[in-house]
C-alpha cells in the first residue's frame, strides 16, 4: 500500500532494507537552519514571549548569541 513511499515489501517480496547514505554524504554536513542552534533559538524565543513590547531591547544579547551560533554553521542571518 505504501510502497511508493519506500514502505512495505520490495518486488522480490522481502522487507525493504534501509538505504545507505551516498558515499559523499558525511555526518559533518551542516544541519537545516531550523535545527542548527536549538538552545539559543529556544532562549531567544522564550525571551520574546516573556518580554512582549520591550523584547527587542531586553533580548538583544540572546539575538546576538543566536546569530553567532547560526554563523558558526555558515548561515548568514
PDB file of N, CA and C in Angstrom:
ATOM      1  N   UNK A   1       0.815  -1.194   0.000  1.00  0.00           N
ATOM      2  CA  UNK A   1       0.000   0.000   0.000  1.00  0.00           C
ATOM      3  C   UNK A   1       0.861   1.262   0.000  1.00  0.00           C
ATOM      4  N   UNK A   2       1.854   1.312   0.882  1.00  0.00           N
ATOM      5  CA  UNK A   2       2.710   2.485   0.978  1.00  0.00           C
ATOM      6  C   UNK A   2       4.032   2.281   0.255  1.00  0.00           C
ATOM      7  N   UNK A   3       4.107   1.331  -0.610  1.00  0.00           N
ATOM      8  CA  UNK A   3       5.375   1.002  -1.259  1.00  0.00           C
ATOM      9  C   UNK A   3       5.932   2.168  -2.071  1.00  0.00           C
ATOM     10  N   UNK A   4       5.069   3.046  -2.563  1.00  0.00           N
ATOM     11  CA  UNK A   4       5.565   4.183  -3.331  1.00  0.00           C
ATOM     12  C   UNK A   4       6.365   5.147  -2.450  1.00  0.00           C
ATOM     13  N   UNK A   5       6.216   5.056  -1.126  1.00  0.00           N
ATOM     14  CA  UNK A   5       6.988   5.870  -0.197  1.00  0.00           C
ATOM     15  C   UNK A   5       8.197   5.131   0.352  1.00  0.00           C
ATOM     16  N   UNK A   6       8.393   3.892  -0.090  1.00  0.00           N
ATOM     17  CA  UNK A   6       9.522   3.118   0.375  1.00  0.00           C
ATOM     18  C   UNK A   6       9.183   2.209   1.543  1.00  0.00           C
ATOM     19  N   UNK A   7       7.897   2.108   1.885  1.00  0.00           N
ATOM     20  CA  UNK A   7       7.479   1.229   2.966  1.00  0.00           C
ATOM     21  C   UNK A   7       6.927  -0.053   2.373  1.00  0.00           C
ATOM     22  N   UNK A   8       6.893  -1.089   3.159  1.00  0.00           N
ATOM     23  CA  UNK A   8       6.289  -2.333   2.699  1.00  0.00           C
ATOM     24  C   UNK A   8       7.298  -3.304   2.158  1.00  0.00           C
ATOM     25  N   UNK A   9       6.927  -3.957   1.097  1.00  0.00           N
ATOM     26  CA  UNK A   9       7.778  -5.013   0.550  1.00  0.00           C
ATOM     27  C   UNK A   9       8.340  -4.599  -0.796  1.00  0.00           C
ATOM     28  N   UNK A  10       9.513  -5.123  -1.080  1.00  0.00           N
ATOM     29  CA  UNK A  10      10.136  -4.867  -2.370  1.00  0.00           C
ATOM     30  C   UNK A  10       9.542  -5.812  -3.405  1.00  0.00           C
ATOM     31  N   UNK A  11       9.972  -5.684  -4.655  1.00  0.00           N
ATOM     32  CA  UNK A  11       9.467  -6.545  -5.719  1.00  0.00           C
ATOM     33  C   UNK A  11       9.748  -8.010  -5.458  1.00  0.00           C
ATOM     34  N   UNK A  12      10.836  -8.314  -4.753  1.00  0.00           N
ATOM     35  CA  UNK A  12      11.189  -9.707  -4.502  1.00  0.00           C
ATOM     36  C   UNK A  12      10.413 -10.299  -3.334  1.00  0.00           C
ATOM     37  N   UNK A  13       9.604  -9.488  -2.647  1.00  0.00           N
ATOM     38  CA  UNK A  13       8.823  -9.987  -1.534  1.00  0.00           C
ATOM     39  C   UNK A  13       9.506  -9.847  -0.196  1.00  0.00           C
ATOM     40  N   UNK A  14      10.770  -9.442  -0.174  1.00  0.00           N
ATOM     41  CA  UNK A  14      11.481  -9.236   1.083  1.00  0.00           C
ATOM     42  C   UNK A  14      11.186  -7.841   1.614  1.00  0.00           C
ATOM     43  N   UNK A  15      11.292  -7.689   2.910  1.00  0.00           N
ATOM     44  CA  UNK A  15      11.090  -6.369   3.501  1.00  0.00           C
ATOM     45  C   UNK A  15      12.117  -5.399   2.937  1.00  0.00           C
ATOM     46  N   UNK A  16      11.710  -4.161   2.735  1.00  0.00           N
ATOM     47  CA  UNK A  16      12.610  -3.156   2.191  1.00  0.00           C
ATOM     48  C   UNK A  16      13.685  -2.848   3.224  1.00  0.00           C
ATOM     49  N   UNK A  17      14.920  -2.855   2.781  1.00  0.00           N
ATOM     50  CA  UNK A  17      16.032  -2.584   3.677  1.00  0.00           C
ATOM     51  C   UNK A  17      16.287  -1.089   3.742  1.00  0.00           C
ATOM     52  N   UNK A  18      16.954  -0.659   4.822  1.00  0.00           N
ATOM     53  CA  UNK A  18      17.318   0.742   4.950  1.00  0.00           C
ATOM     54  C   UNK A  18      18.280   1.101   3.841  1.00  0.00           C
ATOM     55  N   UNK A  19      18.083   2.283   3.284  1.00  0.00           N
ATOM     56  CA  UNK A  19      19.013   2.750   2.263  1.00  0.00           C
ATOM     57  C   UNK A  19      20.203   3.389   2.954  1.00  0.00           C
ATOM     58  N   UNK A  20      21.371   3.144   2.416  1.00  0.00           N
ATOM     59  CA  UNK A  20      22.575   3.713   2.993  1.00  0.00           C
ATOM     60  C   UNK A  20      22.821   5.086   2.397  1.00  0.00           C
ATOM     61  N   UNK A  21      23.562   5.915   3.146  1.00  0.00           N
ATOM     62  CA  UNK A  21      23.911   7.237   2.667  1.00  0.00           C
ATOM     63  C   UNK A  21      24.841   7.122   1.473  1.00  0.00           C
ATOM     64  N   UNK A  22      24.763   8.062   0.546  1.00  0.00           N
ATOM     65  CA  UNK A  22      25.716   8.052  -0.562  1.00  0.00           C
ATOM     66  C   UNK A  22      27.134   8.212  -0.027  1.00  0.00           C
ATOM     67  N   UNK A  23      28.094   7.784  -0.812  1.00  0.00           N
ATOM     68  CA  UNK A  23      29.492   7.829  -0.381  1.00  0.00           C
ATOM     69  C   UNK A  23      29.957   9.236  -0.044  1.00  0.00           C
ATOM     70  N   UNK A  24      29.391  10.257  -0.697  1.00  0.00           N
ATOM     71  CA  UNK A  24      29.839  11.625  -0.459  1.00  0.00           C
ATOM     72  C   UNK A  24      29.127  12.276   0.723  1.00  0.00           C
ATOM     73  N   UNK A  25      28.159  11.614   1.345  1.00  0.00           N
ATOM     74  CA  UNK A  25      27.451  12.165   2.499  1.00  0.00           C
ATOM     75  C   UNK A  25      28.230  11.870   3.773  1.00  0.00           C
ATOM     76  N   UNK A  26      28.328  12.869   4.620  1.00  0.00           N
ATOM     77  CA  UNK A  26      29.035  12.695   5.882  1.00  0.00           C
ATOM     78  C   UNK A  26      28.196  13.256   7.016  1.00  0.00           C
ATOM     79  N   UNK A  27      28.579  12.936   8.239  1.00  0.00           N
ATOM     80  CA  UNK A  27      27.894  13.473   9.408  1.00  0.00           C
ATOM     81  C   UNK A  27      28.280  14.920   9.688  1.00  0.00           C
ATOM     82  N   UNK A  28      29.249  15.449   8.950  1.00  0.00           N
ATOM     83  CA  UNK A  28      29.700  16.814   9.177  1.00  0.00           C
ATOM     84  C   UNK A  28      28.945  17.813   8.316  1.00  0.00           C
ATOM     85  N   UNK A  29      27.959  17.367   7.548  1.00  0.00           N
ATOM     86  CA  UNK A  29      27.171  18.292   6.752  1.00  0.00           C
ATOM     87  C   UNK A  29      26.403  19.206   7.684  1.00  0.00           C
ATOM     88  N   UNK A  30      26.202  20.458   7.251  1.00  0.00           N
ATOM     89  CA  UNK A  30      25.550  21.390   8.152  1.00  0.00           C
ATOM     90  C   UNK A  30      24.069  21.050   8.304  1.00  0.00           C
ATOM     91  N   UNK A  31      23.537  21.233   9.517  1.00  0.00           N
ATOM     92  CA  UNK A  31      22.136  20.905   9.766  1.00  0.00           C
ATOM     93  C   UNK A  31      21.213  21.924   9.105  1.00  0.00           C
ATOM     94  N   UNK A  32      19.946  21.581   9.014  1.00  0.00           N
ATOM     95  CA  UNK A  32      18.957  22.521   8.498  1.00  0.00           C
ATOM     96  C   UNK A  32      18.910  23.727   9.426  1.00  0.00           C
ATOM     97  N   UNK A  33      18.566  24.905   8.906  1.00  0.00           N
ATOM     98  CA  UNK A  33      18.539  26.099   9.750  1.00  0.00           C
ATOM     99  C   UNK A  33      17.635  25.953  10.981  1.00  0.00           C
ATOM    100  N   UNK A  34      16.550  25.236  10.838  1.00  0.00           N
ATOM    101  CA  UNK A  34      15.624  25.080  11.968  1.00  0.00           C
ATOM    102  C   UNK A  34      16.208  24.240  13.088  1.00  0.00           C
ATOM    103  N   UNK A  35      17.231  23.459  12.793  1.00  0.00           N
ATOM    104  CA  UNK A  35      17.789  22.520  13.770  1.00  0.00           C
ATOM    105  C   UNK A  35      19.208  22.865  14.197  1.00  0.00           C
ATOM    106  N   UNK A  36      19.767  23.936  13.671  1.00  0.00           N
ATOM    107  CA  UNK A  36      21.181  24.232  13.886  1.00  0.00           C
ATOM    108  C   UNK A  36      21.502  24.647  15.321  1.00  0.00           C
ATOM    109  N   UNK A  37      20.714  25.497  15.916  1.00  0.00           N
ATOM    110  CA  UNK A  37      21.031  26.062  17.242  1.00  0.00           C
ATOM    111  C   UNK A  37      19.797  26.043  18.136  1.00  0.00           C
ATOM    112  N   UNK A  38      19.352  24.878  18.541  1.00  0.00           N
ATOM    113  CA  UNK A  38      18.088  24.811  19.287  1.00  0.00           C
ATOM    114  C   UNK A  38      18.125  25.516  20.644  1.00  0.00           C
ATOM    115  N   UNK A  39      19.260  25.502  21.333  1.00  0.00           N
ATOM    116  CA  UNK A  39      19.319  26.122  22.656  1.00  0.00           C
ATOM    117  C   UNK A  39      19.221  27.640  22.584  1.00  0.00           C
ATOM    118  N   UNK A  40      19.982  28.255  21.682  1.00  0.00           N
ATOM    119  CA  UNK A  40      19.918  29.716  21.565  1.00  0.00           C
ATOM    120  C   UNK A  40      18.593  30.149  20.968  1.00  0.00           C
ATOM    121  N   UNK A  41      18.053  29.360  20.071  1.00  0.00           N
ATOM    122  CA  UNK A  41      16.748  29.678  19.475  1.00  0.00           C
ATOM    123  C   UNK A  41      15.658  29.633  20.548  1.00  0.00           C
ATOM    124  N   UNK A  42      15.674  28.598  21.377  1.00  0.00           N
ATOM    125  CA  UNK A  42      14.669  28.444  22.427  1.00  0.00           C
ATOM    126  C   UNK A  42      14.738  29.605  23.420  1.00  0.00           C
ATOM    127  N   UNK A  43      15.950  29.968  23.841  1.00  0.00           N
ATOM    128  CA  UNK A  43      16.117  31.063  24.798  1.00  0.00           C
ATOM    129  C   UNK A  43      15.654  32.385  24.198  1.00  0.00           C
ATOM    130  N   UNK A  44      16.016  32.628  22.948  1.00  0.00           N
ATOM    131  CA  UNK A  44      15.605  33.868  22.270  1.00  0.00           C
ATOM    132  C   UNK A  44      14.093  33.938  22.144  1.00  0.00           C
ATOM    133  N   UNK A  45      13.480  32.851  21.702  1.00  0.00           N
ATOM    134  CA  UNK A  45      12.027  32.832  21.518  1.00  0.00           C
ATOM    135  C   UNK A  45      11.289  33.004  22.841  1.00  0.00           C
ATOM    136  N   UNK A  46      11.780  32.344  23.889  1.00  0.00           N
ATOM    137  CA  UNK A  46      11.131  32.469  25.200  1.00  0.00           C
ATOM    138  C   UNK A  46      11.239  33.891  25.724  1.00  0.00           C
ATOM    139  N   UNK A  47      12.375  34.522  25.504  1.00  0.00           N
ATOM    140  CA  UNK A  47      12.562  35.902  25.924  1.00  0.00           C
ATOM    141  C   UNK A  47      11.566  36.810  25.203  1.00  0.00           C
ATOM    142  N   UNK A  48      11.376  36.602  23.913  1.00  0.00           N
ATOM    143  CA  UNK A  48      10.416  37.403  23.157  1.00  0.00           C
ATOM    144  C   UNK A  48       8.999  37.208  23.684  1.00  0.00           C
ATOM    145  N   UNK A  49       8.656  35.990  24.053  1.00  0.00           N
ATOM    146  CA  UNK A  49       7.324  35.731  24.602  1.00  0.00           C
ATOM    147  C   UNK A  49       7.154  36.395  25.970  1.00  0.00           C
ATOM    148  N   UNK A  50       8.199  36.352  26.786  1.00  0.00           N
ATOM    149  CA  UNK A  50       8.125  36.901  28.143  1.00  0.00           C
ATOM    150  C   UNK A  50       8.141  38.421  28.173  1.00  0.00           C
ATOM    151  N   UNK A  51       8.919  39.036  27.305  1.00  0.00           N
ATOM    152  CA  UNK A  51       9.139  40.488  27.372  1.00  0.00           C
ATOM    153  C   UNK A  51       8.144  41.308  26.569  1.00  0.00           C
ATOM    154  N   UNK A  52       7.487  40.710  25.590  1.00  0.00           N
ATOM    155  CA  UNK A  52       6.480  41.439  24.818  1.00  0.00           C
ATOM    156  C   UNK A  52       7.063  42.602  24.045  1.00  0.00           C
ATOM    157  N   UNK A  53       6.525  43.812  24.313  1.00  0.00           N
ATOM    158  CA  UNK A  53       6.912  45.000  23.552  1.00  0.00           C
ATOM    159  C   UNK A  53       8.362  45.421  23.748  1.00  0.00           C
ATOM    160  N   UNK A  54       8.948  45.096  24.876  1.00  0.00           N
ATOM    161  CA  UNK A  54      10.331  45.506  25.136  1.00  0.00           C
ATOM    162  C   UNK A  54      11.343  44.426  24.748  1.00  0.00           C
ATOM    163  N   UNK A  55      10.875  43.414  24.056  1.00  0.00           N
ATOM    164  CA  UNK A  55      11.727  42.261  23.740  1.00  0.00           C
ATOM    165  C   UNK A  55      12.941  42.612  22.898  1.00  0.00           C
ATOM    166  N   UNK A  56      12.776  43.513  21.941  1.00  0.00           N
ATOM    167  CA  UNK A  56      13.903  43.820  21.060  1.00  0.00           C
ATOM    168  C   UNK A  56      15.097  44.349  21.850  1.00  0.00           C
ATOM    169  N   UNK A  57      14.839  45.172  22.848  1.00  0.00           N
ATOM    170  CA  UNK A  57      15.929  45.702  23.684  1.00  0.00           C
ATOM    171  C   UNK A  57      16.367  44.682  24.730  1.00  0.00           C
ATOM    172  N   UNK A  58      15.402  44.091  25.430  1.00  0.00           N
ATOM    173  CA  UNK A  58      15.715  43.197  26.538  1.00  0.00           C
ATOM    174  C   UNK A  58      16.346  41.875  26.098  1.00  0.00           C
ATOM    175  N   UNK A  59      16.083  41.464  24.893  1.00  0.00           N
ATOM    176  CA  UNK A  59      16.563  40.158  24.410  1.00  0.00           C
ATOM    177  C   UNK A  59      17.707  40.289  23.413  1.00  0.00           C
ATOM    178  N   UNK A  60      18.258  41.488  23.288  1.00  0.00           N
ATOM    179  CA  UNK A  60      19.297  41.735  22.285  1.00  0.00           C
ATOM    180  C   UNK A  60      20.480  40.786  22.436  1.00  0.00           C
ATOM    181  N   UNK A  61      20.900  40.520  23.660  1.00  0.00           N
ATOM    182  CA  UNK A  61      22.049  39.624  23.875  1.00  0.00           C
ATOM    183  C   UNK A  61      21.747  38.200  23.394  1.00  0.00           C
ATOM    184  N   UNK A  62      20.489  37.777  23.500  1.00  0.00           N
ATOM    185  CA  UNK A  62      20.112  36.439  23.023  1.00  0.00           C
ATOM    186  C   UNK A  62      20.019  36.397  21.496  1.00  0.00           C
ATOM    187  N   UNK A  63      19.601  37.510  20.906  1.00  0.00           N
ATOM    188  CA  UNK A  63      19.555  37.614  19.444  1.00  0.00           C
ATOM    189  C   UNK A  63      20.972  37.491  18.883  1.00  0.00           C
ATOM    190  N   UNK A  64      21.900  38.212  19.500  1.00  0.00           N
ATOM    191  CA  UNK A  64      23.301  38.178  19.058  1.00  0.00           C
ATOM    192  C   UNK A  64      23.877  36.771  19.219  1.00  0.00           C
ATOM    193  N   UNK A  65      23.592  36.126  20.350  1.00  0.00           N
ATOM    194  CA  UNK A  65      24.104  34.772  20.590  1.00  0.00           C
ATOM    195  C   UNK A  65      23.575  33.794  19.537  1.00  0.00           C
ATOM    196  N   UNK A  66      22.296  33.932  19.182  1.00  0.00           N
ATOM    197  CA  UNK A  66      21.723  33.033  18.173  1.00  0.00           C
ATOM    198  C   UNK A  66      22.326  33.312  16.798  1.00  0.00           C
ATOM    199  N   UNK A  67      22.522  34.573  16.461  1.00  0.00           N
ATOM    200  CA  UNK A  67      23.149  34.918  15.179  1.00  0.00           C
ATOM    201  C   UNK A  67      24.563  34.338  15.092  1.00  0.00           C
ATOM    202  N   UNK A  68      25.318  34.452  16.181  1.00  0.00           N
ATOM    203  CA  UNK A  68      26.683  33.914  16.188  1.00  0.00           C
ATOM    204  C   UNK A  68      26.677  32.401  16.048  1.00  0.00           C
ATOM    205  N   UNK A  69      25.739  31.748  16.710  1.00  0.00           N
ATOM    206  CA  UNK A  69      25.640  30.295  16.593  1.00  0.00           C
ATOM    207  C   UNK A  69      25.306  29.903  15.153  1.00  0.00           C
ATOM    208  N   UNK A  70      24.345  30.585  14.552  1.00  0.00           N
ATOM    209  CA  UNK A  70      23.971  30.279  13.162  1.00  0.00           C
ATOM    210  C   UNK A  70      25.149  30.538  12.223  1.00  0.00           C
ATOM    211  N   UNK A  71      25.879  31.604  12.467  1.00  0.00           N
ATOM    212  CA  UNK A  71      27.040  31.921  11.630  1.00  0.00           C
ATOM    213  C   UNK A  71      28.112  30.841  11.735  1.00  0.00           C
ATOM    214  N   UNK A  72      28.205  30.204  12.909  1.00  0.00           N
ATOM    215  CA  UNK A  72      29.199  29.149  13.068  1.00  0.00           C
ATOM    216  C   UNK A  72      28.897  27.936  12.185  1.00  0.00           C
ATOM    217  N   UNK A  73      27.642  27.823  11.730  1.00  0.00           N
ATOM    218  CA  UNK A  73      27.261  26.759  10.803  1.00  0.00           C
ATOM    219  C   UNK A  73      27.245  27.245   9.361  1.00  0.00           C
ATOM    220  N   UNK A  74      27.614  28.504   9.147  1.00  0.00           N
ATOM    221  CA  UNK A  74      27.688  29.050   7.800  1.00  0.00           C
ATOM    222  C   UNK A  74      26.449  29.773   7.344  1.00  0.00           C
ATOM    223  N   UNK A  75      25.492  30.002   8.237  1.00  0.00           N
ATOM    224  CA  UNK A  75      24.267  30.716   7.870  1.00  0.00           C
ATOM    225  C   UNK A  75      24.462  32.199   8.096  1.00  0.00           C
ATOM    226  N   UNK A  76      23.979  32.998   7.156  1.00  0.00           N
ATOM    227  CA  UNK A  76      24.067  34.465   7.273  1.00  0.00           C
ATOM    228  C   UNK A  76      22.677  34.982   7.628  1.00  0.00           C
ATOM    229  N   UNK A  77      22.538  35.408   8.876  1.00  0.00           N
ATOM    230  CA  UNK A  77      21.243  35.931   9.335  1.00  0.00           C
ATOM    231  C   UNK A  77      21.383  37.338   9.844  1.00  0.00           C
TER     232      UNK A  77
END
